[in-house]
Amino acid sequence: MAKHTPQQWQELVKLQQQSELSVTDFCREHTLVPKSFYYHQSKSLKSEATSGFSQAIIKPDIPAPKAQKGQTITLATSIGDLVFPAQISPTIIIDVIKGLQS
């Protein structure tokens, strides 16, 4: 088995996350040792945790549910819960979150 660079391991971890394969099946298909894969996956998750951001994987083949009238989005904060109508623009919620961080 070939030795992979840290960047290659990051790409392999991302590929596995985006695939619908278990780690065992993914490793089998890519001729990887599962123990090594788990080690590099753990390193990747630790680096994400220290960056303050998590990777979001968008699967476009899954349609998003439509918001119904009367539904709300609740954002729990240290100063209390903020409740928004479900039809609110996502940019407004982003602006509120940015305002809370400053």
PDB file of N, CA and C in Angstrom:
ATOM      1  N   MET A   1       0.830  -1.190   0.000  1.00  0.00           N
ATOM      2  CA  MET A   1       0.000   0.000   0.000  1.00  0.00           C
ATOM      3  C   MET A   1       0.872   1.249   0.000  1.00  0.00           C
ATOM      4  N   ALA A   2       0.469   2.227  -0.773  1.00  0.00           N
ATOM      5  CA  ALA A   2       1.248   3.459  -0.908  1.00  0.00           C
ATOM      6  C   ALA A   2       1.122   4.328   0.337  1.00  0.00           C
ATOM      7  N   LYS A   3       2.179   5.078   0.612  1.00  0.00           N
ATOM      8  CA  LYS A   3       2.153   6.028   1.730  1.00  0.00           C
ATOM      9  C   LYS A   3       1.509   7.305   1.221  1.00  0.00           C
ATOM     10  N   HIS A   4       0.536   7.813   1.963  1.00  0.00           N
ATOM     11  CA  HIS A   4      -0.194   9.010   1.559  1.00  0.00           C
ATOM     12  C   HIS A   4       0.297  10.229   2.326  1.00  0.00           C
ATOM     13  N   THR A   5       0.249  11.375   1.655  1.00  0.00           N
ATOM     14  CA  THR A   5       0.609  12.637   2.298  1.00  0.00           C
ATOM     15  C   THR A   5      -0.560  13.071   3.190  1.00  0.00           C
ATOM     16  N   PRO A   6      -0.318  13.994   4.128  1.00  0.00           N
ATOM     17  CA  PRO A   6      -1.424  14.497   4.956  1.00  0.00           C
ATOM     18  C   PRO A   6      -2.570  15.084   4.119  1.00  0.00           C
ATOM     19  N   GLN A   7      -2.226  15.775   3.036  1.00  0.00           N
ATOM     20  CA  GLN A   7      -3.268  16.343   2.171  1.00  0.00           C
ATOM     21  C   GLN A   7      -4.085  15.243   1.506  1.00  0.00           C
ATOM     22  N   GLN A   8      -3.419  14.170   1.086  1.00  0.00           N
ATOM     23  CA  GLN A   8      -4.140  13.050   0.477  1.00  0.00           C
ATOM     24  C   GLN A   8      -5.076  12.399   1.497  1.00  0.00           C
ATOM     25  N   TRP A   9      -4.620  12.283   2.755  1.00  0.00           N
ATOM     26  CA  TRP A   9      -5.483  11.708   3.787  1.00  0.00           C
ATOM     27  C   TRP A   9      -6.714  12.597   4.014  1.00  0.00           C
ATOM     28  N   GLN A  10      -6.505  13.913   4.021  1.00  0.00           N
ATOM     29  CA  GLN A  10      -7.650  14.818   4.187  1.00  0.00           C
ATOM     30  C   GLN A  10      -8.655  14.614   3.069  1.00  0.00           C
ATOM     31  N   GLU A  11      -8.177  14.475   1.852  1.00  0.00           N
ATOM     32  CA  GLU A  11      -9.066  14.254   0.710  1.00  0.00           C
ATOM     33  C   GLU A  11      -9.784  12.909   0.828  1.00  0.00           C
ATOM     34  N   LEU A  12      -9.068  11.881   1.268  1.00  0.00           N
ATOM     35  CA  LEU A  12      -9.691  10.566   1.443  1.00  0.00           C
ATOM     36  C   LEU A  12     -10.782  10.614   2.515  1.00  0.00           C
ATOM     37  N   VAL A  13     -10.523  11.330   3.609  1.00  0.00           N
ATOM     38  CA  VAL A  13     -11.527  11.466   4.669  1.00  0.00           C
ATOM     39  C   VAL A  13     -12.760  12.175   4.120  1.00  0.00           C
ATOM     40  N   LYS A  14     -12.550  13.252   3.350  1.00  0.00           N
ATOM     41  CA  LYS A  14     -13.671  13.969   2.748  1.00  0.00           C
ATOM     42  C   LYS A  14     -14.451  13.078   1.788  1.00  0.00           C
ATOM     43  N   LEU A  15     -13.708  12.312   0.978  1.00  0.00           N
ATOM     44  CA  LEU A  15     -14.370  11.408   0.027  1.00  0.00           C
ATOM     45  C   LEU A  15     -15.255  10.391   0.746  1.00  0.00           C
ATOM     46  N   GLN A  16     -14.739   9.842   1.841  1.00  0.00           N
ATOM     47  CA  GLN A  16     -15.519   8.849   2.584  1.00  0.00           C
ATOM     48  C   GLN A  16     -16.763   9.485   3.170  1.00  0.00           C
ATOM     49  N   GLN A  17     -16.636  10.704   3.703  1.00  0.00           N
ATOM     50  CA  GLN A  17     -17.785  11.387   4.291  1.00  0.00           C
ATOM     51  C   GLN A  17     -18.855  11.661   3.242  1.00  0.00           C
ATOM     52  N   GLN A  18     -18.427  11.979   2.034  1.00  0.00           N
ATOM     53  CA  GLN A  18     -19.372  12.292   0.968  1.00  0.00           C
ATOM     54  C   GLN A  18     -19.967  11.036   0.337  1.00  0.00           C
ATOM     55  N   SER A  19     -19.289   9.924   0.482  1.00  0.00           N
ATOM     56  CA  SER A  19     -19.797   8.671  -0.078  1.00  0.00           C
ATOM     57  C   SER A  19     -20.854   8.099   0.862  1.00  0.00           C
ATOM     58  N   GLU A  20     -21.549   7.128   0.396  1.00  0.00           N
ATOM     59  CA  GLU A  20     -22.533   6.460   1.255  1.00  0.00           C
ATOM     60  C   GLU A  20     -21.977   5.136   1.765  1.00  0.00           C
ATOM     61  N   LEU A  21     -20.655   5.024   1.750  1.00  0.00           N
ATOM     62  CA  LEU A  21     -20.000   3.792   2.167  1.00  0.00           C
ATOM     63  C   LEU A  21     -19.580   3.867   3.630  1.00  0.00           C
ATOM     64  N   SER A  22     -19.599   2.724   4.269  1.00  0.00           N
ATOM     65  CA  SER A  22     -19.042   2.654   5.621  1.00  0.00           C
ATOM     66  C   SER A  22     -17.529   2.794   5.498  1.00  0.00           C
ATOM     67  N   VAL A  23     -16.864   3.069   6.622  1.00  0.00           N
ATOM     68  CA  VAL A  23     -15.405   3.192   6.599  1.00  0.00           C
ATOM     69  C   VAL A  23     -14.783   1.882   6.126  1.00  0.00           C
ATOM     70  N   THR A  24     -15.304   0.773   6.589  1.00  0.00           N
ATOM     71  CA  THR A  24     -14.765  -0.539   6.196  1.00  0.00           C
ATOM     72  C   THR A  24     -14.862  -0.740   4.696  1.00  0.00           C
ATOM     73  N   ASP A  25     -16.027  -0.472   4.122  1.00  0.00           N
ATOM     74  CA  ASP A  25     -16.203  -0.640   2.674  1.00  0.00           C
ATOM     75  C   ASP A  25     -15.350   0.343   1.888  1.00  0.00           C
ATOM     76  N   PHE A  26     -15.282   1.589   2.368  1.00  0.00           N
ATOM     77  CA  PHE A  26     -14.469   2.606   1.695  1.00  0.00           C
ATOM     78  C   PHE A  26     -13.004   2.176   1.696  1.00  0.00           C
ATOM     79  N   CYS A  27     -12.512   1.725   2.838  1.00  0.00           N
ATOM     80  CA  CYS A  27     -11.120   1.285   2.934  1.00  0.00           C
ATOM     81  C   CYS A  27     -10.849   0.101   2.009  1.00  0.00           C
ATOM     82  N   ARG A  28     -11.792  -0.816   1.940  1.00  0.00           N
ATOM     83  CA  ARG A  28     -11.630  -1.980   1.068  1.00  0.00           C
ATOM     84  C   ARG A  28     -11.526  -1.526  -0.389  1.00  0.00           C
ATOM     85  N   GLU A  29     -12.399  -0.599  -0.800  1.00  0.00           N
ATOM     86  CA  GLU A  29     -12.399  -0.126  -2.187  1.00  0.00           C
ATOM     87  C   GLU A  29     -11.147   0.670  -2.537  1.00  0.00           C
ATOM     88  N   HIS A  30     -10.550   1.341  -1.549  1.00  0.00           N
ATOM     89  CA  HIS A  30      -9.388   2.178  -1.809  1.00  0.00           C
ATOM     90  C   HIS A  30      -8.090   1.547  -1.285  1.00  0.00           C
ATOM     91  N   THR A  31      -8.157   0.281  -0.961  1.00  0.00           N
ATOM     92  CA  THR A  31      -7.014  -0.476  -0.415  1.00  0.00           C
ATOM     93  C   THR A  31      -6.296   0.292   0.698  1.00  0.00           C
ATOM     94  N   LEU A  32      -7.086   0.679   1.698  1.00  0.00           N
ATOM     95  CA  LEU A  32      -6.563   1.381   2.864  1.00  0.00           C
ATOM     96  C   LEU A  32      -6.708   0.501   4.099  1.00  0.00           C
ATOM     97  N   VAL A  33      -5.825   0.694   5.052  1.00  0.00           N
ATOM     98  CA  VAL A  33      -5.915  -0.010   6.328  1.00  0.00           C
ATOM     99  C   VAL A  33      -6.894   0.790   7.211  1.00  0.00           C
ATOM    100  N   PRO A  34      -8.009   0.179   7.654  1.00  0.00           N
ATOM    101  CA  PRO A  34      -8.989   0.924   8.458  1.00  0.00           C
ATOM    102  C   PRO A  34      -8.383   1.628   9.673  1.00  0.00           C
ATOM    103  N   LYS A  35      -7.443   0.982  10.356  1.00  0.00           N
ATOM    104  CA  LYS A  35      -6.831   1.595  11.536  1.00  0.00           C
ATOM    105  C   LYS A  35      -6.142   2.908  11.148  1.00  0.00           C
ATOM    106  N   SER A  36      -5.451   2.924  10.014  1.00  0.00           N
ATOM    107  CA  SER A  36      -4.799   4.148   9.535  1.00  0.00           C
ATOM    108  C   SER A  36      -5.837   5.194   9.159  1.00  0.00           C
ATOM    109  N   PHE A  37      -6.907   4.740   8.511  1.00  0.00           N
ATOM    110  CA  PHE A  37      -7.960   5.677   8.114  1.00  0.00           C
ATOM    111  C   PHE A  37      -8.562   6.353   9.346  1.00  0.00           C
ATOM    112  N   TYR A  38      -8.899   5.568  10.363  1.00  0.00           N
ATOM    113  CA  TYR A  38      -9.480   6.131  11.583  1.00  0.00           C
ATOM    114  C   TYR A  38      -8.522   7.124  12.253  1.00  0.00           C
ATOM    115  N   TYR A  39      -7.225   6.815  12.223  1.00  0.00           N
ATOM    116  CA  TYR A  39      -6.234   7.712  12.802  1.00  0.00           C
ATOM    117  C   TYR A  39      -6.271   9.064  12.091  1.00  0.00           C
ATOM    118  N   HIS A  40      -6.240   9.041  10.769  1.00  0.00           N
ATOM    119  CA  HIS A  40      -6.229  10.289  10.000  1.00  0.00           C
ATOM    120  C   HIS A  40      -7.581  10.992  10.047  1.00  0.00           C
ATOM    121  N   GLN A  41      -8.654  10.237  10.159  1.00  0.00           N
ATOM    122  CA  GLN A  41      -9.979  10.842  10.315  1.00  0.00           C
ATOM    123  C   GLN A  41     -10.046  11.598  11.639  1.00  0.00           C
ATOM    124  N   SER A  42      -9.495  11.006  12.680  1.00  0.00           N
ATOM    125  CA  SER A  42      -9.468  11.653  13.996  1.00  0.00           C
ATOM    126  C   SER A  42      -8.647  12.940  13.943  1.00  0.00           C
ATOM    127  N   LYS A  43      -7.488  12.904  13.276  1.00  0.00           N
ATOM    128  CA  LYS A  43      -6.666  14.103  13.133  1.00  0.00           C
ATOM    129  C   LYS A  43      -7.427  15.187  12.371  1.00  0.00           C
ATOM    130  N   SER A  44      -8.145  14.780  11.353  1.00  0.00           N
ATOM    131  CA  SER A  44      -8.911  15.735  10.550  1.00  0.00           C
ATOM    132  C   SER A  44     -10.011  16.378  11.386  1.00  0.00           C
ATOM    133  N   LEU A  45     -10.705  15.569  12.188  1.00  0.00           N
ATOM    134  CA  LEU A  45     -11.784  16.094  13.029  1.00  0.00           C
ATOM    135  C   LEU A  45     -11.224  17.037  14.096  1.00  0.00           C
ATOM    136  N   LYS A  46     -10.049  16.719  14.635  1.00  0.00           N
ATOM    137  CA  LYS A  46      -9.434  17.587  15.646  1.00  0.00           C
ATOM    138  C   LYS A  46      -9.061  18.929  15.036  1.00  0.00           C
ATOM    139  N   SER A  47      -8.547  18.928  13.802  1.00  0.00           N
ATOM    140  CA  SER A  47      -8.176  20.196  13.172  1.00  0.00           C
ATOM    141  C   SER A  47      -9.410  21.024  12.865  1.00  0.00           C
ATOM    142  N   GLU A  48     -10.533  20.376  12.511  1.00  0.00           N
ATOM    143  CA  GLU A  48     -11.791  21.097  12.304  1.00  0.00           C
ATOM    144  C   GLU A  48     -12.255  21.722  13.612  1.00  0.00           C
ATOM    145  N   ALA A  49     -12.121  20.971  14.705  1.00  0.00           N
ATOM    146  CA  ALA A  49     -12.591  21.464  16.004  1.00  0.00           C
ATOM    147  C   ALA A  49     -11.784  22.676  16.457  1.00  0.00           C
ATOM    148  N   THR A  50     -10.498  22.693  16.166  1.00  0.00           N
ATOM    149  CA  THR A  50      -9.688  23.826  16.584  1.00  0.00           C
ATOM    150  C   THR A  50      -9.906  25.039  15.686  1.00  0.00           C
ATOM    151  N   SER A  51     -10.411  24.826  14.471  1.00  0.00           N
ATOM    152  CA  SER A  51     -10.638  25.961  13.579  1.00  0.00           C
ATOM    153  C   SER A  51     -11.917  26.708  13.935  1.00  0.00           C
ATOM    154  N   GLY A  52     -12.800  26.084  14.701  1.00  0.00           N
ATOM    155  CA  GLY A  52     -14.051  26.735  15.067  1.00  0.00           C
ATOM    156  C   GLY A  52     -15.160  26.497  14.067  1.00  0.00           C
ATOM    157  N   PHE A  53     -14.866  25.820  12.983  1.00  0.00           N
ATOM    158  CA  PHE A  53     -15.862  25.560  11.961  1.00  0.00           C
ATOM    159  C   PHE A  53     -16.000  24.067  11.740  1.00  0.00           C
ATOM    160  N   SER A  54     -17.177  23.648  11.345  1.00  0.00           N
ATOM    161  CA  SER A  54     -17.415  22.267  10.969  1.00  0.00           C
ATOM    162  C   SER A  54     -17.738  22.231   9.491  1.00  0.00           C
ATOM    163  N   GLN A  55     -17.352  21.148   8.852  1.00  0.00           N
ATOM    164  CA  GLN A  55     -17.650  21.019   7.436  1.00  0.00           C
ATOM    165  C   GLN A  55     -19.104  20.590   7.264  1.00  0.00           C
ATOM    166  N   ALA A  56     -19.796  21.271   6.401  1.00  0.00           N
ATOM    167  CA  ALA A  56     -21.165  20.898   6.056  1.00  0.00           C
ATOM    168  C   ALA A  56     -21.144  20.214   4.713  1.00  0.00           C
ATOM    169  N   ILE A  57     -21.778  19.070   4.640  1.00  0.00           N
ATOM    170  CA  ILE A  57     -21.858  18.346   3.384  1.00  0.00           C
ATOM    171  C   ILE A  57     -23.281  18.481   2.876  1.00  0.00           C
ATOM    172  N   ILE A  58     -23.422  19.046   1.693  1.00  0.00           N
ATOM    173  CA  ILE A  58     -24.734  19.261   1.099  1.00  0.00           C
ATOM    174  C   ILE A  58     -24.989  18.160   0.090  1.00  0.00           C
ATOM    175  N   LYS A  59     -26.080  17.466   0.262  1.00  0.00           N
ATOM    176  CA  LYS A  59     -26.472  16.426  -0.678  1.00  0.00           C
ATOM    177  C   LYS A  59     -27.654  16.961  -1.481  1.00  0.00           C
ATOM    178  N   PRO A  60     -27.398  17.436  -2.700  1.00  0.00           N
ATOM    179  CA  PRO A  60     -28.440  18.108  -3.476  1.00  0.00           C
ATOM    180  C   PRO A  60     -29.603  17.219  -3.897  1.00  0.00           C
ATOM    181  N   ASP A  61     -29.425  15.906  -3.850  1.00  0.00           N
ATOM    182  CA  ASP A  61     -30.513  15.031  -4.278  1.00  0.00           C
ATOM    183  C   ASP A  61     -31.613  14.886  -3.219  1.00  0.00           C
ATOM    184  N   ILE A  62     -31.428  15.500  -2.060  1.00  0.00           N
ATOM    185  CA  ILE A  62     -32.432  15.456  -1.004  1.00  0.00           C
ATOM    186  C   ILE A  62     -33.138  16.809  -0.978  1.00  0.00           C
ATOM    187  N   PRO A  63     -34.420  16.846  -1.373  1.00  0.00           N
ATOM    188  CA  PRO A  63     -35.112  18.139  -1.394  1.00  0.00           C
ATOM    189  C   PRO A  63     -35.346  18.669   0.018  1.00  0.00           C
ATOM    190  N   ALA A  64     -35.140  19.969   0.162  1.00  0.00           N
ATOM    191  CA  ALA A  64     -35.374  20.602   1.460  1.00  0.00           C
ATOM    192  C   ALA A  64     -36.870  20.729   1.689  1.00  0.00           C
ATOM    193  N   PRO A  65     -37.329  20.490   2.910  1.00  0.00           N
ATOM    194  CA  PRO A  65     -38.762  20.631   3.184  1.00  0.00           C
ATOM    195  C   PRO A  65     -39.182  22.092   3.083  1.00  0.00           C
ATOM    196  N   LYS A  66     -40.397  22.315   2.613  1.00  0.00           N
ATOM    197  CA  LYS A  66     -40.941  23.667   2.509  1.00  0.00           C
ATOM    198  C   LYS A  66     -41.440  24.105   3.877  1.00  0.00           C
ATOM    199  N   ALA A  67     -41.142  25.346   4.222  1.00  0.00           N
ATOM    200  CA  ALA A  67     -41.606  25.897   5.497  1.00  0.00           C
ATOM    201  C   ALA A  67     -43.103  26.168   5.410  1.00  0.00           C
ATOM    202  N   GLN A  68     -43.822  25.763   6.412  1.00  0.00           N
ATOM    203  CA  GLN A  68     -45.262  25.998   6.475  1.00  0.00           C
ATOM    204  C   GLN A  68     -45.521  27.272   7.260  1.00  0.00           C
ATOM    205  N   LYS A  69     -46.599  27.939   6.933  1.00  0.00           N
ATOM    206  CA  LYS A  69     -46.967  29.156   7.651  1.00  0.00           C
ATOM    207  C   LYS A  69     -47.172  28.809   9.127  1.00  0.00           C
ATOM    208  N   GLY A  70     -46.640  29.652   9.988  1.00  0.00           N
ATOM    209  CA  GLY A  70     -46.773  29.415  11.427  1.00  0.00           C
ATOM    210  C   GLY A  70     -45.584  28.695  12.030  1.00  0.00           C
ATOM    211  N   GLN A  71     -44.723  28.078  11.200  1.00  0.00           N
ATOM    212  CA  GLN A  71     -43.539  27.409  11.727  1.00  0.00           C
ATOM    213  C   GLN A  71     -42.484  28.456  12.077  1.00  0.00           C
ATOM    214  N   THR A  72     -41.643  28.123  13.051  1.00  0.00           N
ATOM    215  CA  THR A  72     -40.619  29.061  13.490  1.00  0.00           C
ATOM    216  C   THR A  72     -39.258  28.391  13.577  1.00  0.00           C
ATOM    217  N   ILE A  73     -38.248  29.229  13.608  1.00  0.00           N
ATOM    218  CA  ILE A  73     -36.864  28.794  13.842  1.00  0.00           C
ATOM    219  C   ILE A  73     -36.448  29.432  15.157  1.00  0.00           C
ATOM    220  N   THR A  74     -35.975  28.614  16.099  1.00  0.00           N
ATOM    221  CA  THR A  74     -35.547  29.124  17.395  1.00  0.00           C
ATOM    222  C   THR A  74     -34.035  29.012  17.496  1.00  0.00           C
ATOM    223  N   LEU A  75     -33.411  30.127  17.814  1.00  0.00           N
ATOM    224  CA  LEU A  75     -31.970  30.187  17.999  1.00  0.00           C
ATOM    225  C   LEU A  75     -31.711  30.412  19.485  1.00  0.00           C
ATOM    226  N   ALA A  76     -31.178  29.379  20.142  1.00  0.00           N
ATOM    227  CA  ALA A  76     -30.903  29.479  21.580  1.00  0.00           C
ATOM    228  C   ALA A  76     -29.562  30.171  21.777  1.00  0.00           C
ATOM    229  N   THR A  77     -29.543  31.245  22.549  1.00  0.00           N
ATOM    230  CA  THR A  77     -28.317  31.987  22.816  1.00  0.00           C
ATOM    231  C   THR A  77     -28.131  32.131  24.325  1.00  0.00           C
ATOM    232  N   SER A  78     -26.989  32.665  24.704  1.00  0.00           N
ATOM    233  CA  SER A  78     -26.724  32.869  26.132  1.00  0.00           C
ATOM    234  C   SER A  78     -27.612  33.962  26.725  1.00  0.00           C
ATOM    235  N   ILE A  79     -28.163  34.826  25.868  1.00  0.00           N
ATOM    236  CA  ILE A  79     -29.032  35.897  26.368  1.00  0.00           C
ATOM    237  C   ILE A  79     -30.512  35.539  26.272  1.00  0.00           C
ATOM    238  N   GLY A  80     -30.810  34.375  25.725  1.00  0.00           N
ATOM    239  CA  GLY A  80     -32.190  33.938  25.597  1.00  0.00           C
ATOM    240  C   GLY A  80     -32.459  33.381  24.211  1.00  0.00           C
ATOM    241  N   ASP A  81     -33.668  32.883  24.019  1.00  0.00           N
ATOM    242  CA  ASP A  81     -34.049  32.302  22.739  1.00  0.00           C
ATOM    243  C   ASP A  81     -34.533  33.394  21.797  1.00  0.00           C
ATOM    244  N   LEU A  82     -34.086  33.312  20.545  1.00  0.00           N
ATOM    245  CA  LEU A  82     -34.550  34.213  19.509  1.00  0.00           C
ATOM    246  C   LEU A  82     -35.434  33.395  18.565  1.00  0.00           C
ATOM    247  N   VAL A  83     -36.636  33.852  18.314  1.00  0.00           N
ATOM    248  CA  VAL A  83     -37.587  33.103  17.493  1.00  0.00           C
ATOM    249  C   VAL A  83     -37.841  33.886  16.206  1.00  0.00           C
ATOM    250  N   PHE A  84     -37.678  33.195  15.075  1.00  0.00           N
ATOM    251  CA  PHE A  84     -37.873  33.795  13.765  1.00  0.00           C
ATOM    252  C   PHE A  84     -38.942  33.008  13.007  1.00  0.00           C
ATOM    253  N   PRO A  85     -39.686  33.664  12.114  1.00  0.00           N
ATOM    254  CA  PRO A  85     -40.600  32.909  11.255  1.00  0.00           C
ATOM    255  C   PRO A  85     -39.776  32.032  10.304  1.00  0.00           C
ATOM    256  N   ALA A  86     -40.268  30.865   9.980  1.00  0.00           N
ATOM    257  CA  ALA A  86     -39.524  29.917   9.152  1.00  0.00           C
ATOM    258  C   ALA A  86     -39.259  30.457   7.751  1.00  0.00           C
ATOM    259  N   GLN A  87     -40.035  31.409   7.300  1.00  0.00           N
ATOM    260  CA  GLN A  87     -39.860  31.951   5.958  1.00  0.00           C
ATOM    261  C   GLN A  87     -38.806  33.063   5.900  1.00  0.00           C
ATOM    262  N   ILE A  88     -38.139  33.356   7.000  1.00  0.00           N
ATOM    263  CA  ILE A  88     -37.160  34.446   7.060  1.00  0.00           C
ATOM    264  C   ILE A  88     -35.985  34.161   6.122  1.00  0.00           C
ATOM    265  N   SER A  89     -35.405  35.205   5.603  1.00  0.00           N
ATOM    266  CA  SER A  89     -34.238  35.071   4.736  1.00  0.00           C
ATOM    267  C   SER A  89     -33.047  34.561   5.554  1.00  0.00           C
ATOM    268  N   PRO A  90     -32.333  33.567   5.037  1.00  0.00           N
ATOM    269  CA  PRO A  90     -31.155  33.060   5.757  1.00  0.00           C
ATOM    270  C   PRO A  90     -30.116  34.156   6.010  1.00  0.00           C
ATOM    271  N   THR A  91     -30.028  35.136   5.127  1.00  0.00           N
ATOM    272  CA  THR A  91     -29.032  36.205   5.326  1.00  0.00           C
ATOM    273  C   THR A  91     -29.331  37.014   6.586  1.00  0.00           C
ATOM    274  N   ILE A  92     -30.590  37.158   6.917  1.00  0.00           N
ATOM    275  CA  ILE A  92     -30.937  37.880   8.145  1.00  0.00           C
ATOM    276  C   ILE A  92     -30.456  37.099   9.364  1.00  0.00           C
ATOM    277  N   ILE A  93     -30.670  35.793   9.350  1.00  0.00           N
ATOM    278  CA  ILE A  93     -30.219  34.959  10.476  1.00  0.00           C
ATOM    279  C   ILE A  93     -28.690  35.009  10.577  1.00  0.00           C
ATOM    280  N   ILE A  94     -28.006  34.988   9.441  1.00  0.00           N
ATOM    281  CA  ILE A  94     -26.540  35.077   9.448  1.00  0.00           C
ATOM    282  C   ILE A  94     -26.099  36.398  10.058  1.00  0.00           C
ATOM    283  N   ASP A  95     -26.762  37.487   9.670  1.00  0.00           N
ATOM    284  CA  ASP A  95     -26.425  38.797  10.231  1.00  0.00           C
ATOM    285  C   ASP A  95     -26.638  38.838  11.742  1.00  0.00           C
ATOM    286  N   VAL A  96     -27.709  38.218  12.221  1.00  0.00           N
ATOM    287  CA  VAL A  96     -27.981  38.177  13.655  1.00  0.00           C
ATOM    288  C   VAL A  96     -26.881  37.401  14.380  1.00  0.00           C
ATOM    289  N   ILE A  97     -26.488  36.260  13.812  1.00  0.00           N
ATOM    290  CA  ILE A  97     -25.442  35.450  14.432  1.00  0.00           C
ATOM    291  C   ILE A  97     -24.125  36.223  14.468  1.00  0.00           C
ATOM    292  N   LYS A  98     -23.789  36.885  13.366  1.00  0.00           N
ATOM    293  CA  LYS A  98     -22.563  37.686  13.339  1.00  0.00           C
ATOM    294  C   LYS A  98     -22.628  38.795  14.398  1.00  0.00           C
ATOM    295  N   GLY A  99     -23.806  39.413  14.552  1.00  0.00           N
ATOM    296  CA  GLY A  99     -23.965  40.460  15.561  1.00  0.00           C
ATOM    297  C   GLY A  99     -23.792  39.922  16.969  1.00  0.00           C
ATOM    298  N   LEU A 100     -24.244  38.708  17.203  1.00  0.00           N
ATOM    299  CA  LEU A 100     -24.093  38.093  18.528  1.00  0.00           C
ATOM    300  C   LEU A 100     -22.641  37.771  18.840  1.00  0.00           C
ATOM    301  N   GLN A 101     -21.856  37.487  17.803  1.00  0.00           N
ATOM    302  CA  GLN A 101     -20.447  37.119  17.998  1.00  0.00           C
ATOM    303  C   GLN A 101     -19.580  38.322  18.308  1.00  0.00           C
ATOM    304  N   SER A 102     -20.017  39.518  17.914  1.00  0.00           N
ATOM    305  CA  SER A 102     -19.160  40.683  18.139  1.00  0.00           C
ATOM    306  C   SER A 102     -19.379  41.310  19.496  1.00  0.00           C
TER     307      SER A 102
END
